[in-house]
Protein backbone atom coordinates (compact mmCIF):
# COMPACT_ATOMS: atom_id res chain seq x y z
CA UNK A 1 8.75 -5.95 8.62
CA UNK A 2 11.82 -4.59 10.03
CA UNK A 3 13.55 -3.88 6.90
CA UNK A 4 10.22 -2.28 5.56
CA UNK A 5 10.19 -0.10 8.81
CA UNK A 6 13.72 0.86 8.55
CA UNK A 7 13.21 2.11 5.05
CA UNK A 8 10.36 4.29 6.31
CA UNK A 9 12.19 5.99 8.98
CA UNK A 10 15.05 6.66 6.65
CA UNK A 11 12.49 8.28 4.34
CA UNK A 12 11.23 10.37 7.06
CA UNK A 13 14.60 11.43 8.65
CA UNK A 14 15.90 12.41 5.20
CA UNK A 15 12.98 14.79 4.68
CA UNK A 16 11.41 12.47 1.85
CA UNK A 17 14.41 14.02 -0.44
CA UNK A 18 13.78 11.50 -3.01
CA UNK A 19 10.24 12.64 -3.61
CA UNK A 20 9.14 15.55 -5.13
CA UNK A 21 6.08 16.46 -3.04
CA UNK A 22 5.61 19.59 -4.61
CA UNK A 23 2.83 19.38 -6.97
CA UNK A 24 1.18 22.96 -7.34
CA UNK A 25 -1.89 21.74 -8.32
CA UNK A 26 -2.50 20.06 -4.99
CA UNK A 27 -3.72 22.46 -2.36
CA UNK A 28 -6.58 20.55 -0.43
CA UNK A 29 -4.80 21.01 2.79
CA UNK A 30 -4.48 24.72 2.23
CA UNK A 31 -8.10 24.84 1.35
CA UNK A 32 -9.29 22.83 4.31
CA UNK A 33 -7.30 24.97 6.72
CA UNK A 34 -8.75 28.15 5.04
CA UNK A 35 -12.24 26.81 5.96
CA UNK A 36 -13.04 26.44 2.35
CA UNK A 37 -13.54 22.42 1.86
CA UNK A 38 -14.57 19.67 4.16
CA UNK A 39 -12.47 16.93 5.03
CA UNK A 40 -13.66 13.83 3.53
CA UNK A 41 -14.96 11.26 3.89
CA UNK A 42 -18.16 12.30 6.03
CA UNK A 43 -16.27 15.24 7.46
CA UNK A 44 -16.63 18.97 7.88
CA UNK A 45 -15.27 22.31 7.81
CA UNK A 46 -12.44 22.98 10.13
CA UNK A 47 -14.12 25.79 12.06
CA UNK A 48 -17.33 23.12 12.41
CA UNK A 49 -14.95 20.53 13.74
CA UNK A 50 -13.28 23.08 16.22
CA UNK A 51 -16.60 24.07 17.62
CA UNK A 52 -18.63 21.13 17.23
CA UNK A 53 -16.20 18.18 17.42
CA UNK A 54 -13.57 19.10 20.21
CA UNK A 55 -15.57 17.73 23.25
CA UNK A 56 -17.60 14.98 21.21
CA UNK A 57 -15.33 11.99 22.17
CA UNK A 58 -17.91 9.37 20.75
CA UNK A 59 -17.73 10.91 17.44
CA UNK A 60 -13.86 11.45 17.58
CA UNK A 61 -13.74 7.62 18.34
CA UNK A 62 -15.95 6.70 15.46
CA UNK A 63 -14.85 9.00 12.83
CA UNK A 64 -10.96 8.68 12.23
CA UNK A 65 -10.65 10.14 8.95
CA UNK A 66 -10.37 13.54 10.28
CA UNK A 67 -6.98 12.85 11.69
CA UNK A 68 -5.00 13.24 8.37
CA UNK A 69 -6.94 16.54 7.37
CA UNK A 70 -5.89 17.96 10.96
CA UNK A 71 -2.36 16.75 10.79
CA UNK A 72 -1.45 16.30 7.02
CA UNK A 73 2.18 14.72 6.52
CA UNK A 74 4.19 14.17 3.65
CA UNK A 75 3.28 10.38 3.20
CA UNK A 76 0.08 8.50 2.56
CA UNK A 77 -1.98 7.73 5.48
CA UNK A 78 -5.10 5.29 6.35
CA UNK A 79 -7.33 8.05 4.73
CA UNK A 80 -7.01 7.51 0.88
CA UNK A 81 -9.14 10.63 0.45
CA UNK A 82 -6.72 12.94 2.42
CA UNK A 83 -4.01 14.50 0.22
CA UNK A 84 -0.19 14.24 0.93
CA UNK A 85 0.93 17.56 2.35
CA UNK A 86 2.87 19.18 -0.50
CA UNK A 87 6.21 21.13 0.33
CA UNK A 88 4.46 24.31 -1.10
CA UNK A 89 1.51 23.92 1.23
CA UNK A 90 3.39 23.64 4.35
CA UNK A 91 5.32 26.93 3.46
CA UNK A 92 1.95 28.94 2.72
CA UNK A 93 0.28 27.43 6.00
CA UNK A 94 3.34 28.45 7.87
CA UNK A 95 2.95 31.88 6.71
CA UNK A 96 -0.65 32.36 7.18
CA UNK A 97 -1.46 33.50 10.91
CA UNK A 98 -5.17 32.26 10.45
CA UNK A 99 -4.15 28.96 9.55
CA UNK A 100 -1.58 28.78 12.15
CA UNK A 101 -4.04 29.74 14.69
CA UNK A 102 -6.28 26.84 13.32
CA UNK A 103 -3.32 24.43 13.46
CA UNK A 104 -2.78 25.29 17.12
CA UNK A 105 -6.39 24.73 17.71
CA UNK A 106 -6.31 21.36 16.42
CA UNK A 107 -4.10 20.06 19.06
């Protein structure tokens, strides 16, 4: 277990340097943060999530698949339907004030 954990930590600390993570055809994270697609499975548009889910703690506790949509990262998580964050998406998202506002509201 520790050996695997050590390898995962090194991948993260090295910025996933041995992995491309820049498939231009993959853009689900951008489209979700542009409020153009719902998170899956059983999700909603980000604006609806901010408006209707923020204080619905029961829903947040039961429905965990939204986490990797609100906080995408450069590796596969528990939600197999959430796309791994691509480098081009991170750059695009950081340059878009509306997306950055939604990211901030997600916290």
